[in-house]
């Protein structure tokens, strides 16, 4: 079911050229590491734990999270996680 955007909310709008099949979106928008990070966020892990599990710094996790939000025009990483989950990417 398609729901119209509520006033004052931001639409997630990936800038992906061409067709938007699930596989195309995955390879065009997310690296393997980004999908791993989104999966860990979806499981409810905190930034520190995600950083440790992915062998990176907290700052890197925060920076990459912000980049994903910017890429999808989202205001939070939770929006990105929900977007990816609805499309079966994580």
PDB file of N, CA and C in Angstrom:
ATOM      1  N   UNK A   1       0.842  -1.172   0.000  1.00  0.00           N
ATOM      2  CA  UNK A   1       0.000   0.000   0.000  1.00  0.00           C
ATOM      3  C   UNK A   1       0.888   1.235   0.000  1.00  0.00           C
ATOM      4  N   UNK A   2       0.612   2.158  -0.871  1.00  0.00           N
ATOM      5  CA  UNK A   2       1.386   3.392  -0.965  1.00  0.00           C
ATOM      6  C   UNK A   2       0.743   4.456  -0.099  1.00  0.00           C
ATOM      7  N   UNK A   3       1.537   5.051   0.776  1.00  0.00           N
ATOM      8  CA  UNK A   3       1.029   6.121   1.618  1.00  0.00           C
ATOM      9  C   UNK A   3       1.636   7.435   1.172  1.00  0.00           C
ATOM     10  N   UNK A   4       0.831   8.479   1.007  1.00  0.00           N
ATOM     11  CA  UNK A   4       1.397   9.778   0.644  1.00  0.00           C
ATOM     12  C   UNK A   4       2.204  10.333   1.798  1.00  0.00           C
ATOM     13  N   UNK A   5       3.179  11.154   1.465  1.00  0.00           N
ATOM     14  CA  UNK A   5       4.014  11.767   2.499  1.00  0.00           C
ATOM     15  C   UNK A   5       3.186  12.745   3.317  1.00  0.00           C
ATOM     16  N   UNK A   6       3.416  12.746   4.616  1.00  0.00           N
ATOM     17  CA  UNK A   6       2.731  13.691   5.486  1.00  0.00           C
ATOM     18  C   UNK A   6       3.421  15.036   5.380  1.00  0.00           C
ATOM     19  N   UNK A   7       2.687  16.075   5.612  1.00  0.00           N
ATOM     20  CA  UNK A   7       3.258  17.416   5.560  1.00  0.00           C
ATOM     21  C   UNK A   7       4.405  17.517   6.546  1.00  0.00           C
ATOM     22  N   UNK A   8       5.504  18.074   6.094  1.00  0.00           N
ATOM     23  CA  UNK A   8       6.653  18.267   6.970  1.00  0.00           C
ATOM     24  C   UNK A   8       7.587  17.078   7.052  1.00  0.00           C
ATOM     25  N   UNK A   9       7.284  15.983   6.345  1.00  0.00           N
ATOM     26  CA  UNK A   9       8.180  14.832   6.373  1.00  0.00           C
ATOM     27  C   UNK A   9       9.011  14.815   5.108  1.00  0.00           C
ATOM     28  N   UNK A  10      10.120  14.141   5.180  1.00  0.00           N
ATOM     29  CA  UNK A  10      11.013  14.036   4.031  1.00  0.00           C
ATOM     30  C   UNK A  10      10.808  12.704   3.351  1.00  0.00           C
ATOM     31  N   UNK A  11      10.770  12.700   2.052  1.00  0.00           N
ATOM     32  CA  UNK A  11      10.675  11.479   1.278  1.00  0.00           C
ATOM     33  C   UNK A  11      12.079  10.937   1.040  1.00  0.00           C
ATOM     34  N   UNK A  12      12.245   9.644   1.133  1.00  0.00           N
ATOM     35  CA  UNK A  12      13.512   9.030   0.799  1.00  0.00           C
ATOM     36  C   UNK A  12      13.578   8.926  -0.717  1.00  0.00           C
ATOM     37  N   UNK A  13      14.526   9.597  -1.290  1.00  0.00           N
ATOM     38  CA  UNK A  13      14.603   9.648  -2.748  1.00  0.00           C
ATOM     39  C   UNK A  13      15.998   9.284  -3.206  1.00  0.00           C
ATOM     40  N   UNK A  14      16.240   7.997  -3.439  1.00  0.00           N
ATOM     41  CA  UNK A  14      17.564   7.608  -3.925  1.00  0.00           C
ATOM     42  C   UNK A  14      17.779   8.121  -5.337  1.00  0.00           C
ATOM     43  N   UNK A  15      18.980   8.549  -5.614  1.00  0.00           N
ATOM     44  CA  UNK A  15      19.327   9.045  -6.930  1.00  0.00           C
ATOM     45  C   UNK A  15      19.999   7.917  -7.699  1.00  0.00           C
ATOM     46  N   UNK A  16      19.165   7.002  -8.218  1.00  0.00           N
ATOM     47  CA  UNK A  16      19.681   5.842  -8.939  1.00  0.00           C
ATOM     48  C   UNK A  16      19.216   5.931 -10.378  1.00  0.00           C
ATOM     49  N   UNK A  17      20.152   6.026 -11.313  1.00  0.00           N
ATOM     50  CA  UNK A  17      19.740   6.078 -12.715  1.00  0.00           C
ATOM     51  C   UNK A  17      19.218   4.733 -13.192  1.00  0.00           C
ATOM     52  N   UNK A  18      18.347   4.749 -14.176  1.00  0.00           N
ATOM     53  CA  UNK A  18      17.857   3.514 -14.775  1.00  0.00           C
ATOM     54  C   UNK A  18      16.774   2.858 -13.953  1.00  0.00           C
ATOM     55  N   UNK A  19      16.587   1.573 -14.189  1.00  0.00           N
ATOM     56  CA  UNK A  19      15.536   0.838 -13.508  1.00  0.00           C
ATOM     57  C   UNK A  19      15.878   0.642 -12.047  1.00  0.00           C
ATOM     58  N   UNK A  20      14.843   0.402 -11.256  1.00  0.00           N
ATOM     59  CA  UNK A  20      15.033   0.281  -9.821  1.00  0.00           C
ATOM     60  C   UNK A  20      14.582  -1.074  -9.315  1.00  0.00           C
ATOM     61  N   UNK A  21      15.236  -2.100  -9.771  1.00  0.00           N
ATOM     62  CA  UNK A  21      14.979  -3.431  -9.248  1.00  0.00           C
ATOM     63  C   UNK A  21      15.785  -3.583  -7.969  1.00  0.00           C
ATOM     64  N   UNK A  22      15.353  -4.476  -7.102  1.00  0.00           N
ATOM     65  CA  UNK A  22      16.014  -4.656  -5.811  1.00  0.00           C
ATOM     66  C   UNK A  22      17.518  -4.877  -5.956  1.00  0.00           C
ATOM     67  N   UNK A  23      17.916  -5.746  -6.870  1.00  0.00           N
ATOM     68  CA  UNK A  23      19.342  -6.015  -7.051  1.00  0.00           C
ATOM     69  C   UNK A  23      20.079  -4.773  -7.537  1.00  0.00           C
ATOM     70  N   UNK A  24      19.468  -4.037  -8.471  1.00  0.00           N
ATOM     71  CA  UNK A  24      20.081  -2.809  -8.984  1.00  0.00           C
ATOM     72  C   UNK A  24      20.262  -1.787  -7.871  1.00  0.00           C
ATOM     73  N   UNK A  25      19.252  -1.648  -7.030  1.00  0.00           N
ATOM     74  CA  UNK A  25      19.320  -0.686  -5.929  1.00  0.00           C
ATOM     75  C   UNK A  25      20.443  -1.074  -4.983  1.00  0.00           C
ATOM     76  N   UNK A  26      20.539  -2.366  -4.660  1.00  0.00           N
ATOM     77  CA  UNK A  26      21.573  -2.822  -3.738  1.00  0.00           C
ATOM     78  C   UNK A  26      22.962  -2.499  -4.264  1.00  0.00           C
ATOM     79  N   UNK A  27      23.217  -2.860  -5.500  1.00  0.00           N
ATOM     80  CA  UNK A  27      24.562  -2.659  -6.039  1.00  0.00           C
ATOM     81  C   UNK A  27      24.845  -1.194  -6.314  1.00  0.00           C
ATOM     82  N   UNK A  28      23.826  -0.416  -6.610  1.00  0.00           N
ATOM     83  CA  UNK A  28      24.037   0.993  -6.923  1.00  0.00           C
ATOM     84  C   UNK A  28      24.133   1.859  -5.672  1.00  0.00           C
ATOM     85  N   UNK A  29      23.397   1.520  -4.631  1.00  0.00           N
ATOM     86  CA  UNK A  29      23.337   2.384  -3.454  1.00  0.00           C
ATOM     87  C   UNK A  29      24.205   1.934  -2.282  1.00  0.00           C
ATOM     88  N   UNK A  30      24.344   0.641  -2.082  1.00  0.00           N
ATOM     89  CA  UNK A  30      24.976   0.152  -0.871  1.00  0.00           C
ATOM     90  C   UNK A  30      26.125  -0.802  -1.165  1.00  0.00           C
ATOM     91  N   UNK A  31      27.228  -0.583  -0.477  1.00  0.00           N
ATOM     92  CA  UNK A  31      28.322  -1.545  -0.537  1.00  0.00           C
ATOM     93  C   UNK A  31      27.997  -2.684   0.431  1.00  0.00           C
ATOM     94  N   UNK A  32      28.778  -3.739   0.367  1.00  0.00           N
ATOM     95  CA  UNK A  32      28.594  -4.863   1.286  1.00  0.00           C
ATOM     96  C   UNK A  32      28.759  -4.401   2.737  1.00  0.00           C
ATOM     97  N   UNK A  33      29.759  -3.545   2.995  1.00  0.00           N
ATOM     98  CA  UNK A  33      29.981  -3.027   4.349  1.00  0.00           C
ATOM     99  C   UNK A  33      28.809  -2.173   4.824  1.00  0.00           C
ATOM    100  N   UNK A  34      28.235  -1.385   3.922  1.00  0.00           N
ATOM    101  CA  UNK A  34      27.095  -0.546   4.301  1.00  0.00           C
ATOM    102  C   UNK A  34      25.879  -1.398   4.637  1.00  0.00           C
ATOM    103  N   UNK A  35      25.660  -2.465   3.874  1.00  0.00           N
ATOM    104  CA  UNK A  35      24.552  -3.366   4.186  1.00  0.00           C
ATOM    105  C   UNK A  35      24.773  -4.073   5.518  1.00  0.00           C
ATOM    106  N   UNK A  36      26.015  -4.431   5.799  1.00  0.00           N
ATOM    107  CA  UNK A  36      26.331  -5.056   7.092  1.00  0.00           C
ATOM    108  C   UNK A  36      26.044  -4.078   8.223  1.00  0.00           C
ATOM    109  N   UNK A  37      26.440  -2.827   8.038  1.00  0.00           N
ATOM    110  CA  UNK A  37      26.198  -1.808   9.053  1.00  0.00           C
ATOM    111  C   UNK A  37      24.693  -1.593   9.254  1.00  0.00           C
ATOM    112  N   UNK A  38      23.935  -1.507   8.163  1.00  0.00           N
ATOM    113  CA  UNK A  38      22.486  -1.333   8.272  1.00  0.00           C
ATOM    114  C   UNK A  38      21.841  -2.520   8.978  1.00  0.00           C
ATOM    115  N   UNK A  39      22.323  -3.724   8.705  1.00  0.00           N
ATOM    116  CA  UNK A  39      21.789  -4.915   9.368  1.00  0.00           C
ATOM    117  C   UNK A  39      22.020  -4.856  10.877  1.00  0.00           C
ATOM    118  N   UNK A  40      23.191  -4.411  11.262  1.00  0.00           N
ATOM    119  CA  UNK A  40      23.494  -4.300  12.696  1.00  0.00           C
ATOM    120  C   UNK A  40      22.642  -3.219  13.356  1.00  0.00           C
ATOM    121  N   UNK A  41      22.434  -2.100  12.673  1.00  0.00           N
ATOM    122  CA  UNK A  41      21.522  -1.069  13.199  1.00  0.00           C
ATOM    123  C   UNK A  41      20.119  -1.647  13.338  1.00  0.00           C
ATOM    124  N   UNK A  42      19.688  -2.426  12.354  1.00  0.00           N
ATOM    125  CA  UNK A  42      18.348  -3.031  12.383  1.00  0.00           C
ATOM    126  C   UNK A  42      18.192  -3.979  13.566  1.00  0.00           C
ATOM    127  N   UNK A  43      19.288  -4.631  13.952  1.00  0.00           N
ATOM    128  CA  UNK A  43      19.248  -5.539  15.104  1.00  0.00           C
ATOM    129  C   UNK A  43      19.267  -4.784  16.426  1.00  0.00           C
ATOM    130  N   UNK A  44      19.478  -3.476  16.366  1.00  0.00           N
ATOM    131  CA  UNK A  44      19.424  -2.661  17.578  1.00  0.00           C
ATOM    132  C   UNK A  44      20.758  -2.403  18.247  1.00  0.00           C
ATOM    133  N   UNK A  45      21.862  -2.733  17.585  1.00  0.00           N
ATOM    134  CA  UNK A  45      23.179  -2.506  18.176  1.00  0.00           C
ATOM    135  C   UNK A  45      23.532  -1.029  18.192  1.00  0.00           C
ATOM    136  N   UNK A  46      24.301  -0.612  19.180  1.00  0.00           N
ATOM    137  CA  UNK A  46      24.742   0.782  19.287  1.00  0.00           C
ATOM    138  C   UNK A  46      25.964   1.007  18.390  1.00  0.00           C
ATOM    139  N   UNK A  47      26.295   2.264  18.180  1.00  0.00           N
ATOM    140  CA  UNK A  47      27.402   2.643  17.302  1.00  0.00           C
ATOM    141  C   UNK A  47      28.710   1.984  17.733  1.00  0.00           C
ATOM    142  N   UNK A  48      28.986   1.975  19.033  1.00  0.00           N
ATOM    143  CA  UNK A  48      30.232   1.403  19.544  1.00  0.00           C
ATOM    144  C   UNK A  48      30.335  -0.087  19.220  1.00  0.00           C
ATOM    145  N   UNK A  49      29.257  -0.814  19.418  1.00  0.00           N
ATOM    146  CA  UNK A  49      29.253  -2.248  19.135  1.00  0.00           C
ATOM    147  C   UNK A  49      29.380  -2.512  17.637  1.00  0.00           C
ATOM    148  N   UNK A  50      28.671  -1.725  16.843  1.00  0.00           N
ATOM    149  CA  UNK A  50      28.760  -1.877  15.385  1.00  0.00           C
ATOM    150  C   UNK A  50      30.192  -1.628  14.929  1.00  0.00           C
ATOM    151  N   UNK A  51      30.799  -0.579  15.452  1.00  0.00           N
ATOM    152  CA  UNK A  51      32.189  -0.259  15.088  1.00  0.00           C
ATOM    153  C   UNK A  51      33.108  -1.422  15.429  1.00  0.00           C
ATOM    154  N   UNK A  52      32.949  -1.968  16.615  1.00  0.00           N
ATOM    155  CA  UNK A  52      33.792  -3.078  17.040  1.00  0.00           C
ATOM    156  C   UNK A  52      33.584  -4.298  16.146  1.00  0.00           C
ATOM    157  N   UNK A  53      32.327  -4.614  15.836  1.00  0.00           N
ATOM    158  CA  UNK A  53      32.025  -5.802  15.023  1.00  0.00           C
ATOM    159  C   UNK A  53      32.509  -5.659  13.586  1.00  0.00           C
ATOM    160  N   UNK A  54      32.557  -4.407  13.089  1.00  0.00           N
ATOM    161  CA  UNK A  54      32.998  -4.179  11.712  1.00  0.00           C
ATOM    162  C   UNK A  54      34.453  -3.721  11.628  1.00  0.00           C
ATOM    163  N   UNK A  55      35.139  -3.744  12.756  1.00  0.00           N
ATOM    164  CA  UNK A  55      36.552  -3.347  12.826  1.00  0.00           C
ATOM    165  C   UNK A  55      36.789  -1.938  12.278  1.00  0.00           C
ATOM    166  N   UNK A  56      36.004  -0.994  12.777  1.00  0.00           N
ATOM    167  CA  UNK A  56      36.191   0.410  12.416  1.00  0.00           C
ATOM    168  C   UNK A  56      35.939   1.267  13.646  1.00  0.00           C
ATOM    169  N   UNK A  57      36.234   2.535  13.535  1.00  0.00           N
ATOM    170  CA  UNK A  57      36.049   3.430  14.673  1.00  0.00           C
ATOM    171  C   UNK A  57      34.598   3.893  14.775  1.00  0.00           C
ATOM    172  N   UNK A  58      34.227   4.353  15.964  1.00  0.00           N
ATOM    173  CA  UNK A  58      32.894   4.918  16.169  1.00  0.00           C
ATOM    174  C   UNK A  58      32.652   6.065  15.192  1.00  0.00           C
ATOM    175  N   UNK A  59      33.684   6.880  15.026  1.00  0.00           N
ATOM    176  CA  UNK A  59      33.567   8.045  14.148  1.00  0.00           C
ATOM    177  C   UNK A  59      33.273   7.614  12.700  1.00  0.00           C
ATOM    178  N   UNK A  60      33.898   6.539  12.251  1.00  0.00           N
ATOM    179  CA  UNK A  60      33.661   6.040  10.897  1.00  0.00           C
ATOM    180  C   UNK A  60      32.216   5.561  10.744  1.00  0.00           C
ATOM    181  N   UNK A  61      31.706   4.860  11.743  1.00  0.00           N
ATOM    182  CA  UNK A  61      30.316   4.396  11.701  1.00  0.00           C
ATOM    183  C   UNK A  61      29.374   5.595  11.635  1.00  0.00           C
ATOM    184  N   UNK A  62      29.619   6.597  12.452  1.00  0.00           N
ATOM    185  CA  UNK A  62      28.774   7.796  12.439  1.00  0.00           C
ATOM    186  C   UNK A  62      28.853   8.522  11.094  1.00  0.00           C
ATOM    187  N   UNK A  63      30.055   8.638  10.549  1.00  0.00           N
ATOM    188  CA  UNK A  63      30.238   9.327   9.266  1.00  0.00           C
ATOM    189  C   UNK A  63      29.540   8.567   8.147  1.00  0.00           C
ATOM    190  N   UNK A  64      29.722   7.254   8.114  1.00  0.00           N
ATOM    191  CA  UNK A  64      29.076   6.453   7.068  1.00  0.00           C
ATOM    192  C   UNK A  64      27.560   6.456   7.207  1.00  0.00           C
ATOM    193  N   UNK A  65      27.079   6.477   8.446  1.00  0.00           N
ATOM    194  CA  UNK A  65      25.635   6.562   8.674  1.00  0.00           C
ATOM    195  C   UNK A  65      25.078   7.861   8.111  1.00  0.00           C
ATOM    196  N   UNK A  66      25.795   8.943   8.378  1.00  0.00           N
ATOM    197  CA  UNK A  66      25.366  10.255   7.870  1.00  0.00           C
ATOM    198  C   UNK A  66      25.388  10.275   6.338  1.00  0.00           C
ATOM    199  N   UNK A  67      26.393   9.644   5.755  1.00  0.00           N
ATOM    200  CA  UNK A  67      26.489   9.576   4.291  1.00  0.00           C
ATOM    201  C   UNK A  67      25.304   8.805   3.709  1.00  0.00           C
ATOM    202  N   UNK A  68      24.918   7.715   4.354  1.00  0.00           N
ATOM    203  CA  UNK A  68      23.758   6.951   3.894  1.00  0.00           C
ATOM    204  C   UNK A  68      22.486   7.785   3.996  1.00  0.00           C
ATOM    205  N   UNK A  69      22.350   8.515   5.091  1.00  0.00           N
ATOM    206  CA  UNK A  69      21.182   9.393   5.250  1.00  0.00           C
ATOM    207  C   UNK A  69      21.154  10.447   4.151  1.00  0.00           C
ATOM    208  N   UNK A  70      22.297  11.043   3.899  1.00  0.00           N
ATOM    209  CA  UNK A  70      22.377  12.056   2.847  1.00  0.00           C
ATOM    210  C   UNK A  70      22.053  11.461   1.479  1.00  0.00           C
ATOM    211  N   UNK A  71      22.566  10.274   1.222  1.00  0.00           N
ATOM    212  CA  UNK A  71      22.351   9.615  -0.066  1.00  0.00           C
ATOM    213  C   UNK A  71      20.868   9.362  -0.330  1.00  0.00           C
ATOM    214  N   UNK A  72      20.114   9.022   0.724  1.00  0.00           N
ATOM    215  CA  UNK A  72      18.690   8.732   0.568  1.00  0.00           C
ATOM    216  C   UNK A  72      17.798   9.880   1.004  1.00  0.00           C
ATOM    217  N   UNK A  73      18.399  11.011   1.335  1.00  0.00           N
ATOM    218  CA  UNK A  73      17.645  12.180   1.781  1.00  0.00           C
ATOM    219  C   UNK A  73      16.822  11.855   3.026  1.00  0.00           C
ATOM    220  N   UNK A  74      17.417  11.105   3.945  1.00  0.00           N
ATOM    221  CA  UNK A  74      16.757  10.704   5.185  1.00  0.00           C
ATOM    222  C   UNK A  74      17.256  11.564   6.332  1.00  0.00           C
ATOM    223  N   UNK A  75      16.419  11.725   7.341  1.00  0.00           N
ATOM    224  CA  UNK A  75      16.832  12.526   8.487  1.00  0.00           C
ATOM    225  C   UNK A  75      17.448  11.679   9.601  1.00  0.00           C
ATOM    226  N   UNK A  76      17.330  10.344   9.509  1.00  0.00           N
ATOM    227  CA  UNK A  76      17.943   9.474  10.519  1.00  0.00           C
ATOM    228  C   UNK A  76      18.307   8.127   9.906  1.00  0.00           C
ATOM    229  N   UNK A  77      19.225   7.456  10.566  1.00  0.00           N
ATOM    230  CA  UNK A  77      19.646   6.137  10.092  1.00  0.00           C
ATOM    231  C   UNK A  77      18.494   5.135  10.205  1.00  0.00           C
ATOM    232  N   UNK A  78      17.601   5.346  11.140  1.00  0.00           N
ATOM    233  CA  UNK A  78      16.444   4.466  11.293  1.00  0.00           C
ATOM    234  C   UNK A  78      15.568   4.516  10.041  1.00  0.00           C
ATOM    235  N   UNK A  79      15.432   5.693   9.441  1.00  0.00           N
ATOM    236  CA  UNK A  79      14.685   5.792   8.189  1.00  0.00           C
ATOM    237  C   UNK A  79      15.362   4.977   7.094  1.00  0.00           C
ATOM    238  N   UNK A  80      16.672   5.019   7.038  1.00  0.00           N
ATOM    239  CA  UNK A  80      17.413   4.259   6.029  1.00  0.00           C
ATOM    240  C   UNK A  80      17.234   2.764   6.273  1.00  0.00           C
ATOM    241  N   UNK A  81      17.319   2.343   7.522  1.00  0.00           N
ATOM    242  CA  UNK A  81      17.130   0.933   7.875  1.00  0.00           C
ATOM    243  C   UNK A  81      15.732   0.478   7.458  1.00  0.00           C
ATOM    244  N   UNK A  82      14.722   1.273   7.772  1.00  0.00           N
ATOM    245  CA  UNK A  82      13.344   0.912   7.410  1.00  0.00           C
ATOM    246  C   UNK A  82      13.183   0.839   5.902  1.00  0.00           C
ATOM    247  N   UNK A  83      13.766   1.793   5.195  1.00  0.00           N
ATOM    248  CA  UNK A  83      13.703   1.830   3.728  1.00  0.00           C
ATOM    249  C   UNK A  83      14.311   0.557   3.144  1.00  0.00           C
ATOM    250  N   UNK A  84      15.498   0.199   3.638  1.00  0.00           N
ATOM    251  CA  UNK A  84      16.204  -0.987   3.140  1.00  0.00           C
ATOM    252  C   UNK A  84      15.444  -2.272   3.511  1.00  0.00           C
ATOM    253  N   UNK A  85      14.885  -2.317   4.711  1.00  0.00           N
ATOM    254  CA  UNK A  85      14.145  -3.504   5.146  1.00  0.00           C
ATOM    255  C   UNK A  85      12.882  -3.701   4.319  1.00  0.00           C
ATOM    256  N   UNK A  86      12.169  -2.622   4.026  1.00  0.00           N
ATOM    257  CA  UNK A  86      10.954  -2.737   3.214  1.00  0.00           C
ATOM    258  C   UNK A  86      11.247  -3.269   1.827  1.00  0.00           C
ATOM    259  N   UNK A  87      12.451  -3.042   1.339  1.00  0.00           N
ATOM    260  CA  UNK A  87      12.838  -3.508   0.012  1.00  0.00           C
ATOM    261  C   UNK A  87      13.562  -4.848   0.047  1.00  0.00           C
ATOM    262  N   UNK A  88      13.662  -5.437   1.232  1.00  0.00           N
ATOM    263  CA  UNK A  88      14.274  -6.745   1.369  1.00  0.00           C
ATOM    264  C   UNK A  88      15.792  -6.744   1.188  1.00  0.00           C
ATOM    265  N   UNK A  89      16.419  -5.602   1.397  1.00  0.00           N
ATOM    266  CA  UNK A  89      17.866  -5.503   1.237  1.00  0.00           C
ATOM    267  C   UNK A  89      18.617  -5.957   2.480  1.00  0.00           C
ATOM    268  N   UNK A  90      17.949  -5.888   3.615  1.00  0.00           N
ATOM    269  CA  UNK A  90      18.566  -6.352   4.870  1.00  0.00           C
ATOM    270  C   UNK A  90      17.595  -7.266   5.577  1.00  0.00           C
TER     271      UNK A  90
END
